[in-house]
């Protein structure tokens, strides 16, 4: 399993690096950071104002994984570029979906 996501009892935890104010919404794959950790890199057009970028992150992930937005929740990093998101659902199904993103 990649280190940019982890299995939980309810589904998966995803580690993301988000760039707001981008020219387009995109999932750019996994990046390894200087400290050795990995994160799925996302770009969203929305500005980081009043939760707009966070809403765009959830919408982008929902679209990319083919899941309803209600399956996603922020665990940490709502005001940071580094975010942790919980995804609820069947762990095996979710793992197959997120591996295809990275």
N, C-alpha and C. Protein backbone atom coordinates (compact mmCIF):
# COMPACT_ATOMS: atom_id res chain seq x y z
N UNK A 1 0.85 -1.19 0.00
CA UNK A 1 0.00 0.00 0.00
C UNK A 1 0.89 1.24 0.00
N UNK A 2 0.51 2.23 -0.75
CA UNK A 2 1.25 3.49 -0.82
C UNK A 2 1.13 4.24 0.50
N UNK A 3 2.11 5.09 0.79
CA UNK A 3 2.04 5.81 2.04
C UNK A 3 1.27 7.11 1.95
N UNK A 4 0.59 7.40 0.86
CA UNK A 4 -0.25 8.60 0.77
C UNK A 4 -1.70 8.30 1.17
N UNK A 5 -1.99 7.03 1.48
CA UNK A 5 -3.30 6.69 2.04
C UNK A 5 -3.15 5.52 3.00
N UNK A 6 -4.10 5.43 3.92
CA UNK A 6 -4.09 4.35 4.91
C UNK A 6 -5.50 3.79 5.08
N UNK A 7 -5.57 2.50 5.38
CA UNK A 7 -6.85 1.86 5.66
C UNK A 7 -7.30 2.19 7.08
N UNK A 8 -8.61 2.34 7.24
CA UNK A 8 -9.21 2.52 8.56
C UNK A 8 -10.39 1.56 8.67
N UNK A 9 -11.02 1.52 9.83
CA UNK A 9 -12.19 0.67 10.01
C UNK A 9 -13.36 1.11 9.13
N UNK A 10 -13.44 2.41 8.85
CA UNK A 10 -14.56 2.96 8.07
C UNK A 10 -14.24 3.18 6.60
N UNK A 11 -12.99 3.01 6.18
CA UNK A 11 -12.63 3.25 4.78
C UNK A 11 -11.16 3.56 4.64
N UNK A 12 -10.83 4.78 4.17
CA UNK A 12 -9.45 5.18 3.96
C UNK A 12 -9.21 6.59 4.50
N UNK A 13 -7.96 6.87 4.80
CA UNK A 13 -7.51 8.22 5.09
C UNK A 13 -6.54 8.61 3.98
N UNK A 14 -6.78 9.76 3.35
CA UNK A 14 -5.94 10.24 2.25
C UNK A 14 -5.12 11.43 2.72
N UNK A 15 -3.86 11.48 2.29
CA UNK A 15 -2.98 12.61 2.58
C UNK A 15 -2.78 13.38 1.28
N UNK A 16 -3.13 14.65 1.29
CA UNK A 16 -3.18 15.46 0.09
C UNK A 16 -2.30 16.69 0.19
N UNK A 17 -1.80 17.15 -0.95
CA UNK A 17 -1.16 18.45 -1.06
C UNK A 17 -1.97 19.20 -2.10
N UNK A 18 -2.58 20.30 -1.68
CA UNK A 18 -3.51 21.04 -2.53
C UNK A 18 -2.94 22.39 -2.93
N UNK A 19 -3.05 22.71 -4.22
CA UNK A 19 -2.69 24.03 -4.72
C UNK A 19 -3.97 24.72 -5.17
N UNK A 20 -4.41 25.74 -4.43
CA UNK A 20 -5.60 26.49 -4.85
C UNK A 20 -5.23 27.53 -5.92
N UNK A 21 -6.24 28.16 -6.48
CA UNK A 21 -6.04 29.23 -7.47
C UNK A 21 -5.31 28.74 -8.71
N UNK A 22 -5.47 27.48 -9.04
CA UNK A 22 -4.81 26.89 -10.21
C UNK A 22 -5.63 27.19 -11.47
N UNK A 23 -5.02 27.07 -12.63
CA UNK A 23 -5.77 27.32 -13.87
C UNK A 23 -6.86 26.28 -14.17
N UNK A 24 -6.73 25.08 -13.54
CA UNK A 24 -7.73 24.03 -13.78
C UNK A 24 -7.76 23.09 -12.58
N UNK A 25 -8.85 22.35 -12.43
CA UNK A 25 -8.94 21.31 -11.41
C UNK A 25 -8.26 20.06 -11.95
N UNK A 26 -7.37 19.47 -11.15
CA UNK A 26 -6.66 18.29 -11.64
C UNK A 26 -6.10 17.47 -10.49
N UNK A 27 -6.07 16.15 -10.72
CA UNK A 27 -5.35 15.23 -9.85
C UNK A 27 -4.03 14.97 -10.56
N UNK A 28 -2.91 15.32 -9.91
CA UNK A 28 -1.62 15.26 -10.59
C UNK A 28 -0.76 14.08 -10.18
N UNK A 29 -1.28 13.19 -9.36
CA UNK A 29 -0.51 12.02 -8.97
C UNK A 29 0.16 12.20 -7.62
N UNK A 30 0.95 11.22 -7.26
CA UNK A 30 1.59 11.19 -5.95
C UNK A 30 2.95 11.87 -6.03
N UNK A 31 3.24 12.68 -5.01
CA UNK A 31 4.56 13.30 -4.91
C UNK A 31 5.20 12.88 -3.59
N UNK A 32 6.51 12.68 -3.62
CA UNK A 32 7.25 12.40 -2.40
C UNK A 32 7.85 13.71 -1.93
N UNK A 33 7.57 14.05 -0.70
CA UNK A 33 8.02 15.33 -0.14
C UNK A 33 9.45 15.21 0.37
N UNK A 34 10.07 16.33 0.69
CA UNK A 34 11.45 16.36 1.17
C UNK A 34 11.66 15.55 2.43
N UNK A 35 10.61 15.45 3.26
CA UNK A 35 10.75 14.70 4.51
C UNK A 35 10.49 13.20 4.33
N UNK A 36 10.28 12.77 3.08
CA UNK A 36 10.08 11.35 2.79
C UNK A 36 8.63 10.90 2.78
N UNK A 37 7.70 11.76 3.21
CA UNK A 37 6.29 11.39 3.18
C UNK A 37 5.75 11.57 1.77
N UNK A 38 4.63 10.95 1.51
CA UNK A 38 4.00 11.04 0.20
C UNK A 38 2.62 11.66 0.35
N UNK A 39 2.18 12.35 -0.70
CA UNK A 39 0.85 12.97 -0.71
C UNK A 39 0.34 12.98 -2.15
N UNK A 40 -0.97 12.86 -2.29
CA UNK A 40 -1.60 12.99 -3.60
C UNK A 40 -1.71 14.48 -3.89
N UNK A 41 -1.17 14.90 -5.01
CA UNK A 41 -1.16 16.31 -5.36
C UNK A 41 -2.41 16.67 -6.16
N UNK A 42 -3.14 17.68 -5.68
CA UNK A 42 -4.34 18.17 -6.34
C UNK A 42 -4.20 19.65 -6.64
N UNK A 43 -4.81 20.08 -7.72
CA UNK A 43 -4.91 21.51 -8.05
C UNK A 43 -6.39 21.83 -8.22
N UNK A 44 -6.81 22.95 -7.62
CA UNK A 44 -8.20 23.39 -7.78
C UNK A 44 -8.23 24.85 -8.19
N UNK A 45 -9.23 25.19 -9.01
CA UNK A 45 -9.38 26.57 -9.48
C UNK A 45 -9.85 27.51 -8.37
N UNK A 46 -10.54 26.98 -7.40
CA UNK A 46 -11.15 27.80 -6.35
C UNK A 46 -10.09 28.50 -5.50
N UNK A 47 -10.48 29.65 -4.98
CA UNK A 47 -9.60 30.42 -4.10
C UNK A 47 -9.74 29.91 -2.67
N UNK A 48 -8.67 30.05 -1.87
CA UNK A 48 -8.75 29.59 -0.48
C UNK A 48 -9.44 30.63 0.40
N UNK A 49 -10.73 30.82 0.17
CA UNK A 49 -11.50 31.82 0.89
C UNK A 49 -12.82 31.22 1.33
N UNK A 50 -13.10 31.26 2.62
CA UNK A 50 -14.37 30.80 3.18
C UNK A 50 -14.72 29.37 2.78
N UNK A 51 -13.71 28.50 2.69
CA UNK A 51 -13.95 27.10 2.41
C UNK A 51 -14.17 26.74 0.95
N UNK A 52 -14.02 27.70 0.04
CA UNK A 52 -14.26 27.40 -1.38
C UNK A 52 -13.28 26.37 -1.93
N UNK A 53 -12.00 26.50 -1.59
CA UNK A 53 -11.01 25.54 -2.08
C UNK A 53 -11.26 24.16 -1.48
N UNK A 54 -11.63 24.11 -0.20
CA UNK A 54 -11.92 22.81 0.42
C UNK A 54 -13.11 22.13 -0.24
N UNK A 55 -14.13 22.90 -0.56
CA UNK A 55 -15.30 22.34 -1.26
C UNK A 55 -14.89 21.82 -2.63
N UNK A 56 -13.99 22.55 -3.29
CA UNK A 56 -13.52 22.12 -4.61
C UNK A 56 -12.69 20.84 -4.50
N UNK A 57 -11.92 20.69 -3.43
CA UNK A 57 -11.15 19.47 -3.21
C UNK A 57 -12.08 18.27 -3.07
N UNK A 58 -13.11 18.42 -2.26
CA UNK A 58 -14.08 17.33 -2.06
C UNK A 58 -14.77 17.00 -3.38
N UNK A 59 -15.18 18.01 -4.12
CA UNK A 59 -15.85 17.78 -5.41
C UNK A 59 -14.92 17.06 -6.39
N UNK A 60 -13.66 17.48 -6.44
CA UNK A 60 -12.69 16.85 -7.34
C UNK A 60 -12.45 15.39 -6.95
N UNK A 61 -12.26 15.12 -5.66
CA UNK A 61 -12.07 13.74 -5.22
C UNK A 61 -13.30 12.89 -5.49
N UNK A 62 -14.47 13.43 -5.22
CA UNK A 62 -15.72 12.68 -5.46
C UNK A 62 -15.85 12.31 -6.94
N UNK A 63 -15.55 13.27 -7.80
CA UNK A 63 -15.63 13.03 -9.24
C UNK A 63 -14.58 12.00 -9.67
N UNK A 64 -13.36 12.13 -9.17
CA UNK A 64 -12.27 11.24 -9.58
C UNK A 64 -12.47 9.82 -9.09
N UNK A 65 -13.07 9.67 -7.91
CA UNK A 65 -13.27 8.33 -7.34
C UNK A 65 -14.66 7.76 -7.61
N UNK A 66 -15.54 8.55 -8.20
CA UNK A 66 -16.89 8.07 -8.49
C UNK A 66 -17.72 7.81 -7.25
N UNK A 67 -17.58 8.69 -6.26
CA UNK A 67 -18.30 8.55 -4.99
C UNK A 67 -19.08 9.83 -4.70
N UNK A 68 -20.13 9.74 -3.88
CA UNK A 68 -20.84 10.95 -3.46
C UNK A 68 -19.97 11.80 -2.54
N UNK A 69 -20.16 13.11 -2.58
CA UNK A 69 -19.39 14.03 -1.73
C UNK A 69 -19.58 13.72 -0.24
N UNK A 70 -20.71 13.14 0.11
CA UNK A 70 -20.99 12.84 1.52
C UNK A 70 -20.05 11.77 2.10
N UNK A 71 -19.28 11.09 1.26
CA UNK A 71 -18.34 10.07 1.73
C UNK A 71 -17.01 10.66 2.17
N UNK A 72 -16.83 11.98 2.04
CA UNK A 72 -15.56 12.63 2.33
C UNK A 72 -15.71 13.59 3.50
N UNK A 73 -14.68 13.65 4.34
CA UNK A 73 -14.66 14.60 5.45
C UNK A 73 -13.21 14.96 5.77
N UNK A 74 -12.97 16.23 6.08
CA UNK A 74 -11.63 16.66 6.47
C UNK A 74 -11.34 16.21 7.89
N UNK A 75 -10.16 15.65 8.08
CA UNK A 75 -9.68 15.27 9.41
C UNK A 75 -8.74 16.35 9.92
N UNK A 76 -7.89 16.86 9.02
CA UNK A 76 -6.90 17.87 9.41
C UNK A 76 -6.54 18.71 8.20
N UNK A 77 -6.04 19.92 8.46
CA UNK A 77 -5.49 20.75 7.40
C UNK A 77 -6.48 21.59 6.64
N UNK A 78 -7.61 21.92 7.22
CA UNK A 78 -8.59 22.71 6.48
C UNK A 78 -8.07 24.08 6.07
N UNK A 79 -7.09 24.61 6.79
CA UNK A 79 -6.53 25.92 6.43
C UNK A 79 -5.09 25.80 5.92
N UNK A 80 -4.69 24.60 5.55
CA UNK A 80 -3.33 24.34 5.10
C UNK A 80 -3.35 23.72 3.70
N UNK A 81 -2.22 23.77 3.03
CA UNK A 81 -2.11 23.07 1.74
C UNK A 81 -2.03 21.56 1.94
N UNK A 82 -1.49 21.14 3.07
CA UNK A 82 -1.41 19.71 3.40
C UNK A 82 -2.68 19.33 4.14
N UNK A 83 -3.47 18.44 3.56
CA UNK A 83 -4.77 18.09 4.11
C UNK A 83 -4.86 16.58 4.32
N UNK A 84 -5.66 16.20 5.31
CA UNK A 84 -5.96 14.80 5.56
C UNK A 84 -7.46 14.64 5.45
N UNK A 85 -7.89 13.71 4.60
CA UNK A 85 -9.31 13.52 4.31
C UNK A 85 -9.68 12.06 4.58
N UNK A 86 -10.81 11.86 5.26
CA UNK A 86 -11.36 10.52 5.47
C UNK A 86 -12.35 10.22 4.37
N UNK A 87 -12.29 9.00 3.86
CA UNK A 87 -13.24 8.53 2.84
C UNK A 87 -13.91 7.29 3.42
N UNK A 88 -15.23 7.33 3.53
CA UNK A 88 -15.95 6.19 4.08
C UNK A 88 -16.42 5.27 2.97
N UNK A 89 -16.42 3.98 3.26
CA UNK A 89 -16.85 2.99 2.30
C UNK A 89 -16.10 1.69 2.50
N UNK A 90 -16.30 0.75 1.59
CA UNK A 90 -15.63 -0.53 1.63
C UNK A 90 -14.14 -0.33 1.35
N UNK A 91 -13.29 -0.76 2.28
CA UNK A 91 -11.85 -0.51 2.18
C UNK A 91 -11.24 -1.10 0.92
N UNK A 92 -11.61 -2.31 0.55
CA UNK A 92 -11.04 -2.94 -0.64
C UNK A 92 -11.44 -2.20 -1.91
N UNK A 93 -12.70 -1.82 -2.01
CA UNK A 93 -13.18 -1.07 -3.17
C UNK A 93 -12.49 0.30 -3.25
N UNK A 94 -12.42 0.99 -2.12
CA UNK A 94 -11.78 2.30 -2.10
C UNK A 94 -10.30 2.21 -2.44
N UNK A 95 -9.64 1.19 -1.93
CA UNK A 95 -8.21 1.02 -2.23
C UNK A 95 -7.98 0.87 -3.73
N UNK A 96 -8.80 0.07 -4.38
CA UNK A 96 -8.67 -0.10 -5.83
C UNK A 96 -8.88 1.23 -6.56
N UNK A 97 -9.84 2.02 -6.08
CA UNK A 97 -10.12 3.31 -6.73
C UNK A 97 -8.98 4.30 -6.54
N UNK A 98 -8.43 4.39 -5.33
CA UNK A 98 -7.38 5.39 -5.08
C UNK A 98 -6.05 4.97 -5.70
N UNK A 99 -5.77 3.69 -5.79
CA UNK A 99 -4.54 3.24 -6.44
C UNK A 99 -4.52 3.70 -7.89
N UNK A 100 -5.68 3.72 -8.54
CA UNK A 100 -5.77 4.18 -9.92
C UNK A 100 -5.44 5.67 -10.06
N UNK A 101 -5.64 6.45 -8.99
CA UNK A 101 -5.32 7.89 -9.03
C UNK A 101 -3.82 8.14 -8.96
N UNK A 102 -3.13 7.34 -8.16
CA UNK A 102 -1.72 7.59 -7.91
C UNK A 102 -0.86 6.94 -8.92
